[in-house]
C-alpha cells in the first residue's frame, strides 16, 4: 500500500470512528442480532430437523454475513457517493493523492470493519451460547474472505450506479432486503425448503452461507459455492469499474 493510500486510510479511520451510527450498525448490530436470537429458548434447543444442531448455531454465520451486508451496502456507498457529489474526488485528482487512494482506503476500511465484526460475532456466539468454533479453519477463512470481497464489490457497484448520496442510500436499501433474505437473516438458508435453497445458493450471500456452514461443521466449502462467490465478485467488480465515475 502506497504512502498516499496509507495517509488517506488513517484519515478515513478517524472519520469512521466519529460516526456512532455507522459504528453501531457495522460493528455492534450483528452481535446484538445474535444475542437477541440466542435469548429465545427454542433457538437453543437441539433440533433433529437441523441434523442435531440448534437454530442459534445456524445464526452465527448468518450474523457474520449481516456484518458484511451492513459494511458493504449501508456504510460504504453513501460515503463514496457523498465524496463524489461534493467534488472531493475531482479535487483530489489534481493533487498527488489520486482518487484511487481514497477508493482503496474505503474498501480496506470497510473490509477490516466487517472482519472485526465477524470475529466479535463468533466469539460471543461461543462464549454466550456455546456455539462451536469453525471446525475447518482454513476453509472458513477462505469463505469469509470471499464473502467480504463479494460484499464490498456489491457495495462498489451500488456506488457506481448512484450519482448522489441520496440515490446511493436508496439503491443500497433496495438491494439490502433481498440480500438479507438470501443471507438467511429471516430464515436460515439451511432451514429453507429444498427448492428455495437451490435457488438461493446461486446468489452471492446464499453461496456464502452454504460455504461458511460447511466449514463450520468441519467440511470443506463446496467448490460450487466458492465458484459462485468468485463469479459474483468478478461480475460486480467489473460492473463497478465500468460505471464508476470520479465526478
Foldseek 3Di string as FASTA:
>chain_A
DDPLLVVLLVVVVVVCVVDVVLCCQQQPVLLVLLVVCLVPVQQLDQDVLLVRHGNSLLSLQLSLLSNLLSLQQVNQLLVLLACLVVCVQVVCCVDPNHSVSNVVSSLVVSLVSSVNSSVVSQVCCCPVRNHAAFQQVVLLVLLSSLSNLLSNLQSLLLNLVANHSVSSNVSSVVVSVVLSVLLQVPHRLSRDPPVVSVVSLLDLNSLSSQSNVQRRVPHHRDPVSSVSSVVSSVVSNVSSVVRHDSD
